[in-house]
PDB file of N, CA and C in Angstrom:
ATOM      1  N   MET A   1     -30.438  75.869 -85.494  1.00  0.00           N
ATOM      2  CA  MET A   1     -29.568  76.508 -86.282  1.00  0.00           C
ATOM      3  C   MET A   1     -30.063  77.460 -87.183  1.00  0.00           C
ATOM      4  N   THR A   2     -29.372  78.626 -87.665  1.00  0.00           N
ATOM      5  CA  THR A   2     -30.202  79.786 -88.205  1.00  0.00           C
ATOM      6  C   THR A   2     -29.824  79.775 -89.891  1.00  0.00           C
ATOM      7  N   HIS A   3     -31.526  79.651 -90.170  1.00  0.00           N
ATOM      8  CA  HIS A   3     -31.028  79.717 -92.165  1.00  0.00           C
ATOM      9  C   HIS A   3     -30.902  80.890 -93.112  1.00  0.00           C
ATOM     10  N   VAL A   4     -29.849  80.798 -93.414  1.00  0.00           N
ATOM     11  CA  VAL A   4     -29.022  82.077 -94.027  1.00  0.00           C
ATOM     12  C   VAL A   4     -29.754  81.752 -95.732  1.00  0.00           C
ATOM     13  N   PRO A   5     -30.420  82.697 -96.236  1.00  0.00           N
ATOM     14  CA  PRO A   5     -30.369  82.136 -97.765  1.00  0.00           C
ATOM     15  C   PRO A   5     -29.503  82.729 -98.925  1.00  0.00           C
ATOM     16  N   TYR A   6     -29.501  81.820 -99.905  1.00  0.00           N
ATOM     17  CA  TYR A   6     -28.611  81.834-100.291  1.00  0.00           C
ATOM     18  C   TYR A   6     -28.855  83.073-101.545  1.00  0.00           C
ATOM     19  N   PHE A   7     -27.480  83.564-101.494  1.00  0.00           N
ATOM     20  CA  PHE A   7     -27.181  85.019-102.031  1.00  0.00           C
ATOM     21  C   PHE A   7     -26.919  85.078-103.861  1.00  0.00           C
ATOM     22  N   GLY A   8     -27.656  83.908-104.281  1.00  0.00           N
ATOM     23  CA  GLY A   8     -27.981  83.807-105.836  1.00  0.00           C
ATOM     24  C   GLY A   8     -27.718  85.638-106.708  1.00  0.00           C
ATOM     25  N   LYS A   9     -28.196  86.062-106.164  1.00  0.00           N
ATOM     26  CA  LYS A   9     -28.526  87.288-106.894  1.00  0.00           C
ATOM     27  C   LYS A   9     -27.715  88.882-107.053  1.00  0.00           C
ATOM     28  N   LEU A  10     -26.167  87.721-106.725  1.00  0.00           N
ATOM     29  CA  LEU A  10     -25.234  88.614-106.217  1.00  0.00           C
ATOM     30  C   LEU A  10     -24.628  88.972-107.648  1.00  0.00           C
ATOM     31  N   ARG A  11     -25.080  88.080-108.543  1.00  0.00           N
ATOM     32  CA  ARG A  11     -24.388  88.440-110.143  1.00  0.00           C
ATOM     33  C   ARG A  11     -25.339  89.999-110.902  1.00  0.00           C
ATOM     34  N   ASN A  12     -26.552  90.102-109.661  1.00  0.00           N
ATOM     35  CA  ASN A  12     -27.077  91.013-110.610  1.00  0.00           C
ATOM     36  C   ASN A  12     -26.611  92.743-109.920  1.00  0.00           C
ATOM     37  N   MET A  13     -26.112  92.688-108.585  1.00  0.00           N
ATOM     38  CA  MET A  13     -25.125  93.763-108.243  1.00  0.00           C
ATOM     39  C   MET A  13     -23.649  94.264-108.937  1.00  0.00           C
ATOM     40  N   ASN A  14     -22.939  95.182-108.817  1.00  0.00           N
ATOM     41  CA  ASN A  14     -21.950  95.303-108.981  1.00  0.00           C
ATOM     42  C   ASN A  14     -20.980  94.885-108.060  1.00  0.00           C
ATOM     43  N   PRO A  15     -20.187  94.083-108.147  1.00  0.00           N
ATOM     44  CA  PRO A  15     -19.180  93.478-107.280  1.00  0.00           C
ATOM     45  C   PRO A  15     -17.817  94.687-106.870  1.00  0.00           C
ATOM     46  N   GLU A  16     -17.437  95.952-108.074  1.00  0.00           N
ATOM     47  CA  GLU A  16     -17.004  96.558-107.869  1.00  0.00           C
ATOM     48  C   GLU A  16     -17.499  97.842-106.617  1.00  0.00           C
ATOM     49  N   ALA A  17     -18.771  97.892-106.480  1.00  0.00           N
ATOM     50  CA  ALA A  17     -18.912  98.731-105.144  1.00  0.00           C
ATOM     51  C   ALA A  17     -18.386  97.959-103.872  1.00  0.00           C
ATOM     52  N   PHE A  18     -18.988  96.748-103.619  1.00  0.00           N
ATOM     53  CA  PHE A  18     -18.205  95.916-102.628  1.00  0.00           C
ATOM     54  C   PHE A  18     -16.626  96.440-102.402  1.00  0.00           C
ATOM     55  N   ALA A  19     -16.395  95.729-103.364  1.00  0.00           N
ATOM     56  CA  ALA A  19     -14.454  96.241-103.603  1.00  0.00           C
ATOM     57  C   ALA A  19     -14.144  97.189-102.861  1.00  0.00           C
ATOM     58  N   ALA A  20     -14.784  98.227-103.539  1.00  0.00           N
ATOM     59  CA  ALA A  20     -14.577  99.763-102.855  1.00  0.00           C
ATOM     60  C   ALA A  20     -14.722 100.112-101.758  1.00  0.00           C
ATOM     61  N   LEU A  21     -15.947  99.403-100.778  1.00  0.00           N
ATOM     62  CA  LEU A  21     -16.039  99.983 -99.577  1.00  0.00           C
ATOM     63  C   LEU A  21     -15.363  98.750 -98.651  1.00  0.00           C
ATOM     64  N   ALA A  22     -14.720  97.986 -99.469  1.00  0.00           N
ATOM     65  CA  ALA A  22     -14.161  96.867 -98.566  1.00  0.00           C
ATOM     66  C   ALA A  22     -12.646  97.695 -97.734  1.00  0.00           C
ATOM     67  N   HIS A  23     -12.255  99.043 -98.251  1.00  0.00           N
ATOM     68  CA  HIS A  23     -10.786  99.095 -97.530  1.00  0.00           C
ATOM     69  C   HIS A  23     -11.193 100.492 -96.887  1.00  0.00           C
ATOM     70  N   GLU A  24     -10.809 100.412 -95.442  1.00  0.00           N
ATOM     71  CA  GLU A  24     -11.079 101.214 -94.537  1.00  0.00           C
ATOM     72  C   GLU A  24     -10.972 102.882 -95.057  1.00  0.00           C
ATOM     73  N   LEU A  25     -10.224 103.341 -95.754  1.00  0.00           N
ATOM     74  CA  LEU A  25      -9.851 104.435 -96.089  1.00  0.00           C
ATOM     75  C   LEU A  25     -11.461 105.047 -96.824  1.00  0.00           C
ATOM     76  N   ARG A  26     -11.272 103.857 -97.828  1.00  0.00           N
ATOM     77  CA  ARG A  26     -12.437 104.148 -98.972  1.00  0.00           C
ATOM     78  C   ARG A  26     -13.937 104.052 -98.149  1.00  0.00           C
ATOM     79  N   LEU A  27     -14.154 103.766 -97.090  1.00  0.00           N
ATOM     80  CA  LEU A  27     -15.443 103.144 -96.436  1.00  0.00           C
ATOM     81  C   LEU A  27     -15.385 104.849 -95.542  1.00  0.00           C
ATOM     82  N   ARG A  28     -14.384 105.179 -95.127  1.00  0.00           N
ATOM     83  CA  ARG A  28     -14.279 106.100 -94.457  1.00  0.00           C
ATOM     84  C   ARG A  28     -14.922 107.182 -94.781  1.00  0.00           C
ATOM     85  N   ALA A  29     -14.450 107.669 -96.375  1.00  0.00           N
ATOM     86  CA  ALA A  29     -14.702 108.853 -97.213  1.00  0.00           C
ATOM     87  C   ALA A  29     -15.832 109.048 -97.640  1.00  0.00           C
ATOM     88  N   PHE A  30     -16.586 107.514 -98.183  1.00  0.00           N
ATOM     89  CA  PHE A  30     -17.872 107.401 -98.535  1.00  0.00           C
ATOM     90  C   PHE A  30     -18.565 107.929 -97.656  1.00  0.00           C
ATOM     91  N   ARG A  31     -18.765 107.209 -95.895  1.00  0.00           N
ATOM     92  CA  ARG A  31     -18.616 107.747 -94.974  1.00  0.00           C
ATOM     93  C   ARG A  31     -19.149 109.163 -95.034  1.00  0.00           C
ATOM     94  N   LEU A  32     -18.495 109.653 -95.163  1.00  0.00           N
ATOM     95  CA  LEU A  32     -17.915 111.342 -94.427  1.00  0.00           C
ATOM     96  C   LEU A  32     -19.013 111.496 -95.819  1.00  0.00           C
ATOM     97  N   LEU A  33     -18.951 111.476 -96.958  1.00  0.00           N
ATOM     98  CA  LEU A  33     -19.516 112.216 -98.099  1.00  0.00           C
ATOM     99  C   LEU A  33     -21.366 112.258 -98.154  1.00  0.00           C
ATOM    100  N   VAL A  34     -21.526 110.305 -97.253  1.00  0.00           N
ATOM    101  CA  VAL A  34     -22.847 110.551 -96.785  1.00  0.00           C
ATOM    102  C   VAL A  34     -23.567 111.766 -95.736  1.00  0.00           C
ATOM    103  N   SER A  35     -22.724 111.890 -95.055  1.00  0.00           N
ATOM    104  CA  SER A  35     -22.801 113.162 -94.434  1.00  0.00           C
ATOM    105  C   SER A  35     -22.640 114.205 -94.933  1.00  0.00           C
ATOM    106  N   ALA A  36     -21.844 114.563 -95.577  1.00  0.00           N
ATOM    107  CA  ALA A  36     -22.037 115.944 -96.520  1.00  0.00           C
ATOM    108  C   ALA A  36     -23.420 115.495 -97.190  1.00  0.00           C
ATOM    109  N   ALA A  37     -23.868 114.847 -97.959  1.00  0.00           N
ATOM    110  CA  ALA A  37     -24.922 115.005 -98.715  1.00  0.00           C
ATOM    111  C   ALA A  37     -25.530 116.147 -98.660  1.00  0.00           C
ATOM    112  N   PRO A  38     -26.527 116.386 -99.471  1.00  0.00           N
ATOM    113  CA  PRO A  38     -26.030 116.301-101.218  1.00  0.00           C
ATOM    114  C   PRO A  38     -25.065 117.228-101.657  1.00  0.00           C
ATOM    115  N   ASN A  39     -24.412 118.327-100.761  1.00  0.00           N
ATOM    116  CA  ASN A  39     -23.814 119.122-101.474  1.00  0.00           C
ATOM    117  C   ASN A  39     -22.268 118.804-102.244  1.00  0.00           C
ATOM    118  N   GLY A  40     -22.093 117.299-101.018  1.00  0.00           N
ATOM    119  CA  GLY A  40     -20.317 116.983-101.379  1.00  0.00           C
ATOM    120  C   GLY A  40     -19.596 118.397-100.069  1.00  0.00           C
ATOM    121  N   MET A  41     -18.070 117.450-100.552  1.00  0.00           N
ATOM    122  CA  MET A  41     -16.578 118.416-100.128  1.00  0.00           C
ATOM    123  C   MET A  41     -15.652 118.513-101.730  1.00  0.00           C
ATOM    124  N   PRO A  42     -15.234 119.662-101.075  1.00  0.00           N
ATOM    125  CA  PRO A  42     -13.614 119.650-102.135  1.00  0.00           C
ATOM    126  C   PRO A  42     -12.348 118.371-101.371  1.00  0.00           C
ATOM    127  N   ALA A  43     -12.369 118.042-102.816  1.00  0.00           N
ATOM    128  CA  ALA A  43     -11.067 117.001-102.401  1.00  0.00           C
ATOM    129  C   ALA A  43     -10.555 117.557-100.991  1.00  0.00           C
ATOM    130  N   GLY A  44      -9.764 118.736-101.121  1.00  0.00           N
ATOM    131  CA  GLY A  44      -8.616 119.205-100.434  1.00  0.00           C
ATOM    132  C   GLY A  44      -9.266 118.857 -98.796  1.00  0.00           C
ATOM    133  N   GLN A  45     -10.676 119.110 -98.207  1.00  0.00           N
ATOM    134  CA  GLN A  45     -11.559 119.162 -97.234  1.00  0.00           C
ATOM    135  C   GLN A  45     -11.366 117.558 -96.801  1.00  0.00           C
ATOM    136  N   ILE A  46     -11.648 116.499 -97.776  1.00  0.00           N
ATOM    137  CA  ILE A  46     -12.007 115.260 -97.207  1.00  0.00           C
ATOM    138  C   ILE A  46     -10.652 114.881 -96.357  1.00  0.00           C
ATOM    139  N   ALA A  47      -9.259 114.937 -97.149  1.00  0.00           N
ATOM    140  CA  ALA A  47      -7.841 114.698 -97.489  1.00  0.00           C
ATOM    141  C   ALA A  47      -7.875 115.201 -95.711  1.00  0.00           C
ATOM    142  N   MET A  48      -8.175 116.696 -95.502  1.00  0.00           N
ATOM    143  CA  MET A  48      -8.073 116.959 -94.364  1.00  0.00           C
ATOM    144  C   MET A  48      -8.733 115.927 -93.121  1.00  0.00           C
ATOM    145  N   ARG A  49     -10.172 116.410 -93.174  1.00  0.00           N
ATOM    146  CA  ARG A  49     -10.790 115.893 -92.193  1.00  0.00           C
ATOM    147  C   ARG A  49     -10.496 114.054 -91.968  1.00  0.00           C
ATOM    148  N   LEU A  50     -10.096 113.556 -93.195  1.00  0.00           N
ATOM    149  CA  LEU A  50      -9.477 111.834 -93.171  1.00  0.00           C
ATOM    150  C   LEU A  50      -8.091 111.859 -92.756  1.00  0.00           C
ATOM    151  N   ASP A  51      -7.595 112.740 -92.368  1.00  0.00           N
ATOM    152  CA  ASP A  51      -5.764 112.942 -92.506  1.00  0.00           C
ATOM    153  C   ASP A  51      -5.460 111.942 -93.123  1.00  0.00           C
ATOM    154  N   VAL A  52      -4.760 112.185 -94.003  1.00  0.00           N
ATOM    155  CA  VAL A  52      -4.139 111.878 -95.220  1.00  0.00           C
ATOM    156  C   VAL A  52      -3.617 112.307 -96.172  1.00  0.00           C
ATOM    157  N   PRO A  53      -2.875 112.099 -97.145  1.00  0.00           N
ATOM    158  CA  PRO A  53      -2.102 112.660 -97.884  1.00  0.00           C
ATOM    159  C   PRO A  53      -3.374 112.666 -99.265  1.00  0.00           C
ATOM    160  N   ALA A  54      -3.302 114.058 -99.743  1.00  0.00           N
ATOM    161  CA  ALA A  54      -3.930 113.956-101.109  1.00  0.00           C
ATOM    162  C   ALA A  54      -4.155 113.133-101.859  1.00  0.00           C
ATOM    163  N   SER A  55      -2.276 113.340-102.260  1.00  0.00           N
ATOM    164  CA  SER A  55      -2.126 111.753-103.461  1.00  0.00           C
ATOM    165  C   SER A  55      -2.625 110.806-102.759  1.00  0.00           C
ATOM    166  N   THR A  56      -2.965 110.166-102.009  1.00  0.00           N
ATOM    167  CA  THR A  56      -3.194 109.103-101.375  1.00  0.00           C
ATOM    168  C   THR A  56      -4.795 108.954-101.322  1.00  0.00           C
ATOM    169  N   LEU A  57      -5.176 110.038-101.077  1.00  0.00           N
ATOM    170  CA  LEU A  57      -6.859 109.956-100.872  1.00  0.00           C
ATOM    171  C   LEU A  57      -7.155 109.730-102.705  1.00  0.00           C
ATOM    172  N   SER A  58      -7.107 110.522-103.779  1.00  0.00           N
ATOM    173  CA  SER A  58      -6.550 110.696-104.733  1.00  0.00           C
ATOM    174  C   SER A  58      -7.559 109.630-105.440  1.00  0.00           C
ATOM    175  N   THR A  59      -6.590 108.394-105.390  1.00  0.00           N
ATOM    176  CA  THR A  59      -7.077 107.043-105.432  1.00  0.00           C
ATOM    177  C   THR A  59      -7.616 106.048-105.142  1.00  0.00           C
ATOM    178  N   HIS A  60      -7.822 106.523-104.382  1.00  0.00           N
ATOM    179  CA  HIS A  60      -9.255 106.125-103.729  1.00  0.00           C
ATOM    180  C   HIS A  60     -10.248 106.537-103.964  1.00  0.00           C
ATOM    181  N   LEU A  61     -10.606 107.712-103.772  1.00  0.00           N
ATOM    182  CA  LEU A  61     -12.002 108.614-104.276  1.00  0.00           C
ATOM    183  C   LEU A  61     -12.188 108.118-106.320  1.00  0.00           C
ATOM    184  N   ALA A  62     -10.910 107.992-107.030  1.00  0.00           N
ATOM    185  CA  ALA A  62     -10.890 106.992-108.202  1.00  0.00           C
ATOM    186  C   ALA A  62     -11.491 105.999-107.852  1.00  0.00           C
ATOM    187  N   GLN A  63     -11.130 105.214-106.922  1.00  0.00           N
ATOM    188  CA  GLN A  63     -12.367 103.408-106.924  1.00  0.00           C
ATOM    189  C   GLN A  63     -13.741 103.734-106.760  1.00  0.00           C
ATOM    190  N   LEU A  64     -13.550 104.494-106.161  1.00  0.00           N
ATOM    191  CA  LEU A  64     -15.395 104.944-105.385  1.00  0.00           C
ATOM    192  C   LEU A  64     -15.972 105.488-106.535  1.00  0.00           C
ATOM    193  N   GLU A  65     -15.564 106.350-107.312  1.00  0.00           N
ATOM    194  CA  GLU A  65     -15.871 106.736-108.387  1.00  0.00           C
ATOM    195  C   GLU A  65     -16.352 105.527-109.792  1.00  0.00           C
ATOM    196  N   ARG A  66     -15.611 105.219-110.012  1.00  0.00           N
ATOM    197  CA  ARG A  66     -15.478 103.680-110.446  1.00  0.00           C
ATOM    198  C   ARG A  66     -16.440 102.997-110.325  1.00  0.00           C
ATOM    199  N   ALA A  67     -16.543 103.148-109.111  1.00  0.00           N
ATOM    200  CA  ALA A  67     -17.660 101.891-108.899  1.00  0.00           C
ATOM    201  C   ALA A  67     -19.316 102.234-108.733  1.00  0.00           C
ATOM    202  N   GLY A  68     -18.824 103.828-108.937  1.00  0.00           N
ATOM    203  CA  GLY A  68     -20.613 104.254-108.986  1.00  0.00           C
ATOM    204  C   GLY A  68     -20.783 104.719-107.651  1.00  0.00           C
ATOM    205  N   LEU A  69     -20.005 104.485-106.921  1.00  0.00           N
ATOM    206  CA  LEU A  69     -20.736 104.994-105.098  1.00  0.00           C
ATOM    207  C   LEU A  69     -20.751 106.694-105.594  1.00  0.00           C
ATOM    208  N   ILE A  70     -20.077 107.543-106.107  1.00  0.00           N
ATOM    209  CA  ILE A  70     -19.595 108.982-105.727  1.00  0.00           C
ATOM    210  C   ILE A  70     -19.124 109.859-106.924  1.00  0.00           C
ATOM    211  N   LYS A  71     -19.372 110.455-107.535  1.00  0.00           N
ATOM    212  CA  LYS A  71     -19.112 111.574-108.306  1.00  0.00           C
ATOM    213  C   LYS A  71     -18.597 112.796-108.397  1.00  0.00           C
ATOM    214  N   SER A  72     -17.967 113.201-109.038  1.00  0.00           N
ATOM    215  CA  SER A  72     -16.889 114.505-109.033  1.00  0.00           C
ATOM    216  C   SER A  72     -16.977 115.158-110.131  1.00  0.00           C
ATOM    217  N   SER A  73     -16.891 116.886-109.757  1.00  0.00           N
ATOM    218  CA  SER A  73     -17.609 117.910-110.505  1.00  0.00           C
ATOM    219  C   SER A  73     -16.033 118.851-110.196  1.00  0.00           C
ATOM    220  N   ARG A  74     -16.221 119.724-111.145  1.00  0.00           N
ATOM    221  CA  ARG A  74     -14.547 120.430-111.037  1.00  0.00           C
ATOM    222  C   ARG A  74     -15.923 122.329-110.618  1.00  0.00           C
ATOM    223  N   GLU A  75     -15.093 122.823-109.684  1.00  0.00           N
ATOM    224  CA  GLU A  75     -15.708 123.953-109.479  1.00  0.00           C
ATOM    225  C   GLU A  75     -14.800 124.533-109.292  1.00  0.00           C
ATOM    226  N   ARG A  76     -14.007 125.777-110.786  1.00  0.00           N
ATOM    227  CA  ARG A  76     -12.924 126.226-110.344  1.00  0.00           C
ATOM    228  C   ARG A  76     -12.093 125.490-110.672  1.00  0.00           C
ATOM    229  N   GLN A  77     -10.877 125.458-109.814  1.00  0.00           N
ATOM    230  CA  GLN A  77      -9.666 125.395-109.408  1.00  0.00           C
ATOM    231  C   GLN A  77     -10.107 123.929-108.675  1.00  0.00           C
ATOM    232  N   ARG A  78     -11.138 123.666-108.042  1.00  0.00           N
ATOM    233  CA  ARG A  78     -11.179 122.168-107.193  1.00  0.00           C
ATOM    234  C   ARG A  78     -11.912 121.677-107.533  1.00  0.00           C
ATOM    235  N   ILE A  79     -11.922 120.125-107.271  1.00  0.00           N
ATOM    236  CA  ILE A  79     -12.802 119.303-107.360  1.00  0.00           C
ATOM    237  C   ILE A  79     -14.146 118.709-106.289  1.00  0.00           C
ATOM    238  N   LEU A  80     -14.868 118.821-106.237  1.00  0.00           N
ATOM    239  CA  LEU A  80     -15.956 118.413-105.393  1.00  0.00           C
ATOM    240  C   LEU A  80     -16.361 116.903-105.409  1.00  0.00           C
ATOM    241  N   TYR A  81     -16.359 116.403-104.755  1.00  0.00           N
ATOM    242  CA  TYR A  81     -16.671 115.104-104.475  1.00  0.00           C
ATOM    243  C   TYR A  81     -18.268 114.916-103.772  1.00  0.00           C
ATOM    244  N   SER A  82     -19.252 114.141-104.263  1.00  0.00           N
ATOM    245  CA  SER A  82     -20.506 113.808-103.592  1.00  0.00           C
ATOM    246  C   SER A  82     -21.160 112.568-104.220  1.00  0.00           C
ATOM    247  N   ILE A  83     -21.774 112.288-103.225  1.00  0.00           N
ATOM    248  CA  ILE A  83     -22.317 111.030-103.379  1.00  0.00           C
ATOM    249  C   ILE A  83     -23.397 110.645-105.087  1.00  0.00           C
ATOM    250  N   ASN A  84     -22.831 109.743-105.155  1.00  0.00           N
ATOM    251  CA  ASN A  84     -23.553 109.570-106.891  1.00  0.00           C
ATOM    252  C   ASN A  84     -25.063 108.763-106.048  1.00  0.00           C
ATOM    253  N   ALA A  85     -26.488 109.315-106.149  1.00  0.00           N
ATOM    254  CA  ALA A  85     -27.918 108.758-105.655  1.00  0.00           C
ATOM    255  C   ALA A  85     -27.680 107.323-106.084  1.00  0.00           C
ATOM    256  N   GLU A  86     -27.317 107.236-107.563  1.00  0.00           N
ATOM    257  CA  GLU A  86     -28.250 106.265-107.985  1.00  0.00           C
ATOM    258  C   GLU A  86     -27.370 105.198-107.819  1.00  0.00           C
ATOM    259  N   GLY A  87     -26.486 105.203-107.645  1.00  0.00           N
ATOM    260  CA  GLY A  87     -25.192 104.122-107.336  1.00  0.00           C
ATOM    261  C   GLY A  87     -25.781 103.615-105.908  1.00  0.00           C
ATOM    262  N   THR A  88     -25.915 104.465-104.950  1.00  0.00           N
ATOM    263  CA  THR A  88     -25.889 104.484-103.250  1.00  0.00           C
ATOM    264  C   THR A  88     -27.309 103.669-103.134  1.00  0.00           C
ATOM    265  N   GLN A  89     -28.030 104.197-103.882  1.00  0.00           N
ATOM    266  CA  GLN A  89     -29.232 103.490-103.917  1.00  0.00           C
ATOM    267  C   GLN A  89     -29.463 102.101-104.500  1.00  0.00           C
ATOM    268  N   ALA A  90     -28.699 101.902-105.741  1.00  0.00           N
ATOM    269  CA  ALA A  90     -28.452 100.292-105.921  1.00  0.00           C
ATOM    270  C   ALA A  90     -28.359  99.514-104.983  1.00  0.00           C
ATOM    271  N   LEU A  91     -27.112  99.877-104.220  1.00  0.00           N
ATOM    272  CA  LEU A  91     -26.326  99.269-103.163  1.00  0.00           C
ATOM    273  C   LEU A  91     -27.207  99.049-102.212  1.00  0.00           C
ATOM    274  N   VAL A  92     -27.916 100.226-102.107  1.00  0.00           N
ATOM    275  CA  VAL A  92     -29.135  99.572-100.595  1.00  0.00           C
ATOM    276  C   VAL A  92     -29.854  99.014-101.299  1.00  0.00           C
ATOM    277  N   GLY A  93     -30.359  98.874-102.223  1.00  0.00           N
ATOM    278  CA  GLY A  93     -31.771  98.284-102.426  1.00  0.00           C
ATOM    279  C   GLY A  93     -31.232  96.659-102.718  1.00  0.00           C
ATOM    280  N   PHE A  94     -30.362  96.544-103.335  1.00  0.00           N
ATOM    281  CA  PHE A  94     -29.534  95.137-103.493  1.00  0.00           C
ATOM    282  C   PHE A  94     -29.512  94.732-102.097  1.00  0.00           C
ATOM    283  N   LEU A  95     -28.888  95.153-101.468  1.00  0.00           N
ATOM    284  CA  LEU A  95     -28.488  94.652 -99.550  1.00  0.00           C
ATOM    285  C   LEU A  95     -30.022  94.294 -99.329  1.00  0.00           C
ATOM    286  N   ILE A  96     -30.867  94.749 -99.590  1.00  0.00           N
ATOM    287  CA  ILE A  96     -32.423  95.050 -98.716  1.00  0.00           C
ATOM    288  C   ILE A  96     -33.316  94.311 -99.493  1.00  0.00           C
ATOM    289  N   ASN A  97     -33.221  94.489-100.836  1.00  0.00           N
ATOM    290  CA  ASN A  97     -34.308  93.716-101.998  1.00  0.00           C
ATOM    291  C   ASN A  97     -33.948  92.121-102.039  1.00  0.00           C
ATOM    292  N   ASP A  98     -32.858  92.374-102.773  1.00  0.00           N
ATOM    293  CA  ASP A  98     -32.381  90.632-103.171  1.00  0.00           C
ATOM    294  C   ASP A  98     -31.601  89.738-102.335  1.00  0.00           C
ATOM    295  N   CYS A  99     -30.783  90.325-101.497  1.00  0.00           N
ATOM    296  CA  CYS A  99     -30.048  89.962-100.314  1.00  0.00           C
ATOM    297  C   CYS A  99     -30.894  89.158 -98.872  1.00  0.00           C
ATOM    298  N   CYS A 100     -32.030  90.081 -98.993  1.00  0.00           N
ATOM    299  CA  CYS A 100     -33.110  89.470 -98.326  1.00  0.00           C
ATOM    300  C   CYS A 100     -34.304  88.742 -98.422  1.00  0.00           C
ATOM    301  N   GLY A 101     -34.535  88.633 -99.207  1.00  0.00           N
ATOM    302  CA  GLY A 101     -35.517  88.302-100.463  1.00  0.00           C
ATOM    303  C   GLY A 101     -36.474  89.363-100.501  1.00  0.00           C
ATOM    304  N   GLY A 102     -36.678  90.440-100.774  1.00  0.00           N
ATOM    305  CA  GLY A 102     -37.854  91.309-100.614  1.00  0.00           C
ATOM    306  C   GLY A 102     -38.385  91.563 -98.794  1.00  0.00           C
ATOM    307  N   GLN A 103     -38.062  90.986 -97.704  1.00  0.00           N
ATOM    308  CA  GLN A 103     -38.113  90.672 -96.601  1.00  0.00           C
ATOM    309  C   GLN A 103     -37.347  91.307 -95.553  1.00  0.00           C
ATOM    310  N   PRO A 104     -37.270  92.959 -95.329  1.00  0.00           N
ATOM    311  CA  PRO A 104     -36.170  93.731 -94.861  1.00  0.00           C
ATOM    312  C   PRO A 104     -35.994  93.064 -93.601  1.00  0.00           C
ATOM    313  N   GLU A 105     -37.147  93.015 -92.730  1.00  0.00           N
ATOM    314  CA  GLU A 105     -37.007  91.963 -91.629  1.00  0.00           C
ATOM    315  C   GLU A 105     -35.943  91.276 -91.043  1.00  0.00           C
ATOM    316  N   LEU A 106     -35.660  89.978 -91.972  1.00  0.00           N
ATOM    317  CA  LEU A 106     -34.807  89.407 -92.249  1.00  0.00           C
ATOM    318  C   LEU A 106     -32.915  90.044 -91.883  1.00  0.00           C
ATOM    319  N   CYS A 107     -33.414  91.027 -92.407  1.00  0.00           N
ATOM    320  CA  CYS A 107     -31.818  92.259 -92.233  1.00  0.00           C
ATOM    321  C   CYS A 107     -31.961  92.757 -90.812  1.00  0.00           C
ATOM    322  N   GLY A 108     -32.740  92.696 -90.188  1.00  0.00           N
ATOM    323  CA  GLY A 108     -32.977  94.085 -88.794  1.00  0.00           C
ATOM    324  C   GLY A 108     -33.666  94.852 -89.089  1.00  0.00           C
ATOM    325  N   ILE A 109     -34.013  95.541 -90.415  1.00  0.00           N
ATOM    326  CA  ILE A 109     -34.604  96.108 -90.515  1.00  0.00           C
ATOM    327  C   ILE A 109     -36.181  96.364 -90.884  1.00  0.00           C
ATOM    328  N   SER A 110     -36.798  97.081 -90.024  1.00  0.00           N
ATOM    329  CA  SER A 110     -38.528  97.302 -90.097  1.00  0.00           C
ATOM    330  C   SER A 110     -39.448  98.289 -91.182  1.00  0.00           C
ATOM    331  N   ALA A 111     -39.740  97.826 -91.463  1.00  0.00           N
ATOM    332  CA  ALA A 111     -40.749  98.505 -92.440  1.00  0.00           C
ATOM    333  C   ALA A 111     -40.727  99.805 -91.971  1.00  0.00           C
ATOM    334  N   ARG A 112     -40.877 100.831 -93.000  1.00  0.00           N
ATOM    335  CA  ARG A 112     -40.847 102.206 -92.738  1.00  0.00           C
ATOM    336  C   ARG A 112     -42.686 102.367 -92.528  1.00  0.00           C
ATOM    337  N   PRO A 113     -42.648 102.941 -91.770  1.00  0.00           N
ATOM    338  CA  PRO A 113     -44.068 103.295 -91.504  1.00  0.00           C
ATOM    339  C   PRO A 113     -44.894 104.483 -92.470  1.00  0.00           C
ATOM    340  N   LYS A 114     -45.889 104.343 -92.864  1.00  0.00           N
ATOM    341  CA  LYS A 114     -46.375 104.784 -93.998  1.00  0.00           C
ATOM    342  C   LYS A 114     -46.099 106.479 -93.448  1.00  0.00           C
ATOM    343  N   ARG A 115     -45.930 107.695 -93.596  1.00  0.00           N
ATOM    344  CA  ARG A 115     -46.371 108.675 -93.466  1.00  0.00           C
ATOM    345  C   ARG A 115     -47.449 109.423 -93.644  1.00  0.00           C
ATOM    346  N   THR A 116     -48.625 110.005 -92.808  1.00  0.00           N
ATOM    347  CA  THR A 116     -49.867 110.754 -92.645  1.00  0.00           C
ATOM    348  C   THR A 116     -49.497 112.135 -92.893  1.00  0.00           C
ATOM    349  N   ARG A 117     -50.414 112.908 -93.968  1.00  0.00           N
ATOM    350  CA  ARG A 117     -50.455 114.326 -93.629  1.00  0.00           C
ATOM    351  C   ARG A 117     -51.043 114.777 -92.941  1.00  0.00           C
ATOM    352  N   LYS A 118     -50.476 115.655 -92.395  1.00  0.00           N
ATOM    353  CA  LYS A 118     -51.534 116.765 -91.287  1.00  0.00           C
ATOM    354  C   LYS A 118     -52.217 117.720 -91.871  1.00  0.00           C
ATOM    355  N   ARG A 119     -53.093 117.649 -91.125  1.00  0.00           N
ATOM    356  CA  ARG A 119     -54.298 118.345 -91.398  1.00  0.00           C
ATOM    357  C   ARG A 119     -54.070 119.584 -90.632  1.00  0.00           C
ATOM    358  N   ALA A 120     -54.225 120.357 -91.536  1.00  0.00           N
ATOM    359  CA  ALA A 120     -54.242 122.079 -90.988  1.00  0.00           C
ATOM    360  C   ALA A 120     -55.226 122.527 -90.174  1.00  0.00           C
TER     361      ALA A 120
END
């Protein structure tokens, strides 16, 4: 029988982040913006890449932004969306540190090897 640790520290994480990513379109938009980091993408290009109407997409992007996972900025007449590094890092950190009790190997993540400087 597999032992699953208790997720008692869930209260330390913003539940809106999980709710925002629970919808397929929002998850696809988030993944697209992760791949476009750090520059982000204009809303129209996101809508085109995901093949959804702009009016539908704007509601979903607003929810991701309220959850702290993405941010928007205005560039002339268009709105650019990009990953909110702080919110995304908080989510990933929670999943690795709190859920796994600080033992990322329990989540199937091996520790990153330390980088060594190359000698000239």
